[in-house]
Amino acid sequence: MKIEILGQGCSRCRTLEANTREALEELGLDAEIEKVADIARITAYGVMSTPGMVVDGRVKGSGRIFSREEIVEMLREHEA
């Protein structure tokens, strides 16, 4: 699984990354996490507001910080 955190390194992006790592640990999943700061790559996903989260090439959401619980649910649905 590959997870991309979209944003230019602001505190909101770092919080989303931390929540994502906690969710992965809770689920016992191994994933590659990539921070994407390049505006062209971010907008190529159609994301206009960061932070954003992409799992295996699919945008899961943007514009807010998802909680650990929300990310756990997203990843469970993604794995199903």
N, C-alpha and C. Protein backbone atom coordinates (compact mmCIF):
# COMPACT_ATOMS: atom_id res chain seq x y z
N MET A 1 0.84 -1.17 0.00
CA MET A 1 0.00 0.00 0.00
C MET A 1 0.89 1.24 0.00
N LYS A 2 0.51 2.22 -0.80
CA LYS A 2 1.24 3.48 -0.84
C LYS A 2 0.29 4.61 -0.45
N ILE A 3 0.70 5.39 0.52
CA ILE A 3 -0.08 6.52 0.99
C ILE A 3 0.71 7.79 0.72
N GLU A 4 0.05 8.75 0.08
CA GLU A 4 0.68 10.03 -0.18
C GLU A 4 -0.02 11.10 0.66
N ILE A 5 0.78 11.87 1.37
CA ILE A 5 0.28 13.01 2.13
C ILE A 5 0.59 14.25 1.30
N LEU A 6 -0.46 14.94 0.87
CA LEU A 6 -0.31 16.08 -0.02
C LEU A 6 -0.28 17.37 0.78
N GLY A 7 0.76 18.16 0.58
CA GLY A 7 0.87 19.44 1.26
C GLY A 7 2.31 19.88 1.30
N GLN A 8 2.52 21.11 1.68
CA GLN A 8 3.86 21.67 1.61
C GLN A 8 4.58 21.67 2.95
N GLY A 9 4.21 20.78 3.83
CA GLY A 9 4.96 20.61 5.07
C GLY A 9 4.47 21.45 6.23
N CYS A 10 3.27 21.97 6.15
CA CYS A 10 2.73 22.76 7.25
C CYS A 10 2.39 21.86 8.44
N SER A 11 2.05 22.45 9.55
CA SER A 11 1.74 21.67 10.75
C SER A 11 0.54 20.77 10.52
N ARG A 12 -0.43 21.20 9.72
CA ARG A 12 -1.60 20.37 9.42
C ARG A 12 -1.19 19.11 8.66
N CYS A 13 -0.25 19.25 7.74
CA CYS A 13 0.24 18.10 6.97
C CYS A 13 1.00 17.13 7.88
N ARG A 14 1.79 17.67 8.78
CA ARG A 14 2.54 16.82 9.71
C ARG A 14 1.59 16.09 10.66
N THR A 15 0.52 16.74 11.07
CA THR A 15 -0.46 16.09 11.94
C THR A 15 -1.17 14.97 11.19
N LEU A 16 -1.53 15.21 9.92
CA LEU A 16 -2.16 14.16 9.12
C LEU A 16 -1.23 12.98 8.96
N GLU A 17 0.05 13.24 8.74
CA GLU A 17 1.01 12.14 8.62
C GLU A 17 1.09 11.35 9.93
N ALA A 18 1.15 12.04 11.04
CA ALA A 18 1.23 11.36 12.34
C ALA A 18 -0.02 10.52 12.59
N ASN A 19 -1.19 11.06 12.28
CA ASN A 19 -2.43 10.31 12.45
C ASN A 19 -2.45 9.08 11.54
N THR A 20 -1.91 9.22 10.35
CA THR A 20 -1.86 8.10 9.40
C THR A 20 -0.94 7.00 9.94
N ARG A 21 0.20 7.37 10.46
CA ARG A 21 1.13 6.39 11.03
C ARG A 21 0.49 5.66 12.21
N GLU A 22 -0.25 6.39 13.06
CA GLU A 22 -0.93 5.76 14.18
C GLU A 22 -2.00 4.78 13.70
N ALA A 23 -2.74 5.16 12.67
CA ALA A 23 -3.79 4.29 12.12
C ALA A 23 -3.17 3.01 11.54
N LEU A 24 -2.07 3.16 10.82
CA LEU A 24 -1.39 1.99 10.25
C LEU A 24 -0.92 1.06 11.36
N GLU A 25 -0.37 1.63 12.41
CA GLU A 25 0.11 0.82 13.53
C GLU A 25 -1.06 0.08 14.20
N GLU A 26 -2.15 0.79 14.40
CA GLU A 26 -3.33 0.17 15.02
C GLU A 26 -3.84 -1.01 14.20
N LEU A 27 -3.83 -0.86 12.88
CA LEU A 27 -4.32 -1.92 12.00
C LEU A 27 -3.28 -2.99 11.70
N GLY A 28 -2.04 -2.72 12.07
CA GLY A 28 -0.97 -3.67 11.79
C GLY A 28 -0.63 -3.74 10.31
N LEU A 29 -0.83 -2.64 9.61
CA LEU A 29 -0.55 -2.59 8.17
C LEU A 29 0.81 -1.96 7.92
N ASP A 30 1.43 -2.44 6.85
CA ASP A 30 2.70 -1.86 6.42
C ASP A 30 2.41 -1.07 5.15
N ALA A 31 2.86 0.17 5.12
CA ALA A 31 2.62 1.00 3.95
C ALA A 31 3.78 1.95 3.74
N GLU A 32 3.98 2.31 2.49
CA GLU A 32 4.95 3.35 2.15
C GLU A 32 4.22 4.68 2.27
N ILE A 33 4.81 5.61 3.02
CA ILE A 33 4.23 6.95 3.13
C ILE A 33 5.16 7.93 2.43
N GLU A 34 4.58 8.67 1.49
CA GLU A 34 5.35 9.67 0.75
C GLU A 34 4.73 11.04 0.98
N LYS A 35 5.56 12.01 1.31
CA LYS A 35 5.10 13.39 1.43
C LYS A 35 5.24 14.03 0.06
N VAL A 36 4.17 14.62 -0.42
CA VAL A 36 4.16 15.25 -1.74
C VAL A 36 3.95 16.75 -1.55
N ALA A 37 4.98 17.53 -1.87
CA ALA A 37 4.92 18.98 -1.72
C ALA A 37 4.84 19.69 -3.07
N ASP A 38 5.04 18.95 -4.15
CA ASP A 38 5.04 19.55 -5.49
C ASP A 38 3.61 19.93 -5.89
N ILE A 39 3.41 21.22 -6.11
CA ILE A 39 2.07 21.73 -6.43
C ILE A 39 1.49 21.08 -7.68
N ALA A 40 2.32 20.84 -8.69
CA ALA A 40 1.83 20.22 -9.92
C ALA A 40 1.29 18.82 -9.65
N ARG A 41 1.98 18.05 -8.82
CA ARG A 41 1.50 16.70 -8.48
C ARG A 41 0.23 16.77 -7.65
N ILE A 42 0.17 17.73 -6.73
CA ILE A 42 -1.02 17.87 -5.88
C ILE A 42 -2.23 18.23 -6.73
N THR A 43 -2.10 19.21 -7.60
CA THR A 43 -3.23 19.63 -8.42
C THR A 43 -3.59 18.58 -9.48
N ALA A 44 -2.63 17.74 -9.87
CA ALA A 44 -2.93 16.66 -10.82
C ALA A 44 -3.96 15.69 -10.23
N TYR A 45 -3.99 15.59 -8.92
CA TYR A 45 -5.01 14.76 -8.26
C TYR A 45 -6.34 15.50 -8.14
N GLY A 46 -6.39 16.77 -8.52
CA GLY A 46 -7.61 17.55 -8.38
C GLY A 46 -7.77 18.15 -6.99
N VAL A 47 -6.71 18.10 -6.21
CA VAL A 47 -6.75 18.63 -4.85
C VAL A 47 -6.38 20.11 -4.88
N MET A 48 -7.27 20.93 -4.34
CA MET A 48 -7.03 22.37 -4.32
C MET A 48 -6.81 22.89 -2.90
N SER A 49 -7.08 22.06 -1.91
CA SER A 49 -6.92 22.45 -0.52
C SER A 49 -6.19 21.35 0.22
N THR A 50 -5.10 21.72 0.89
CA THR A 50 -4.31 20.73 1.61
C THR A 50 -4.58 20.85 3.11
N PRO A 51 -4.29 19.83 3.86
CA PRO A 51 -3.62 18.60 3.44
C PRO A 51 -4.57 17.68 2.70
N GLY A 52 -3.98 16.78 1.95
CA GLY A 52 -4.75 15.77 1.24
C GLY A 52 -4.14 14.41 1.48
N MET A 53 -4.94 13.39 1.22
CA MET A 53 -4.47 12.02 1.42
C MET A 53 -4.88 11.16 0.23
N VAL A 54 -3.90 10.44 -0.31
CA VAL A 54 -4.11 9.57 -1.46
C VAL A 54 -3.63 8.18 -1.07
N VAL A 55 -4.47 7.17 -1.32
CA VAL A 55 -4.10 5.78 -1.03
C VAL A 55 -4.13 5.01 -2.34
N ASP A 56 -2.98 4.45 -2.69
CA ASP A 56 -2.85 3.67 -3.93
C ASP A 56 -3.42 4.41 -5.14
N GLY A 57 -3.11 5.71 -5.23
CA GLY A 57 -3.51 6.49 -6.38
C GLY A 57 -4.91 7.06 -6.33
N ARG A 58 -5.66 6.80 -5.26
CA ARG A 58 -7.04 7.28 -5.14
C ARG A 58 -7.13 8.32 -4.03
N VAL A 59 -7.65 9.51 -4.36
CA VAL A 59 -7.80 10.57 -3.37
C VAL A 59 -8.86 10.14 -2.36
N LYS A 60 -8.48 10.18 -1.09
CA LYS A 60 -9.41 9.81 -0.01
C LYS A 60 -10.01 11.03 0.66
N GLY A 61 -9.38 12.19 0.47
CA GLY A 61 -9.93 13.41 1.02
C GLY A 61 -8.90 14.52 1.04
N SER A 62 -9.39 15.74 1.24
CA SER A 62 -8.48 16.88 1.28
C SER A 62 -9.14 18.03 2.02
N GLY A 63 -8.29 18.99 2.40
CA GLY A 63 -8.78 20.21 3.00
C GLY A 63 -8.95 20.20 4.50
N ARG A 64 -8.67 19.07 5.13
CA ARG A 64 -8.77 19.02 6.58
C ARG A 64 -7.90 17.90 7.13
N ILE A 65 -7.71 17.91 8.43
CA ILE A 65 -6.92 16.88 9.09
C ILE A 65 -7.87 15.75 9.48
N PHE A 66 -7.63 14.57 8.94
CA PHE A 66 -8.44 13.41 9.31
C PHE A 66 -7.91 12.83 10.61
N SER A 67 -8.82 12.44 11.48
CA SER A 67 -8.43 11.84 12.75
C SER A 67 -7.91 10.42 12.53
N ARG A 68 -7.24 9.90 13.51
CA ARG A 68 -6.75 8.52 13.44
C ARG A 68 -7.93 7.58 13.17
N GLU A 69 -9.05 7.81 13.86
CA GLU A 69 -10.22 6.96 13.70
C GLU A 69 -10.77 7.00 12.27
N GLU A 70 -10.82 8.20 11.69
CA GLU A 70 -11.30 8.34 10.31
C GLU A 70 -10.37 7.62 9.34
N ILE A 71 -9.08 7.72 9.58
CA ILE A 71 -8.11 7.07 8.70
C ILE A 71 -8.20 5.56 8.84
N VAL A 72 -8.39 5.06 10.06
CA VAL A 72 -8.57 3.62 10.26
C VAL A 72 -9.75 3.14 9.41
N GLU A 73 -10.85 3.86 9.45
CA GLU A 73 -12.03 3.47 8.68
C GLU A 73 -11.75 3.53 7.17
N MET A 74 -11.06 4.57 6.71
CA MET A 74 -10.70 4.68 5.29
C MET A 74 -9.87 3.50 4.84
N LEU A 75 -8.88 3.15 5.65
CA LEU A 75 -7.98 2.04 5.29
C LEU A 75 -8.68 0.70 5.34
N ARG A 76 -9.59 0.52 6.28
CA ARG A 76 -10.38 -0.72 6.32
C ARG A 76 -11.22 -0.86 5.05
N GLU A 77 -11.87 0.23 4.66
CA GLU A 77 -12.69 0.21 3.45
C GLU A 77 -11.82 -0.03 2.22
N HIS A 78 -10.64 0.55 2.20
CA HIS A 78 -9.73 0.40 1.08
C HIS A 78 -9.27 -1.06 0.94
N GLU A 79 -9.03 -1.70 2.07
CA GLU A 79 -8.55 -3.08 2.07
C GLU A 79 -9.64 -4.08 1.70
N ALA A 80 -10.91 -3.67 1.87
CA ALA A 80 -12.03 -4.60 1.62
C ALA A 80 -12.24 -4.87 0.15
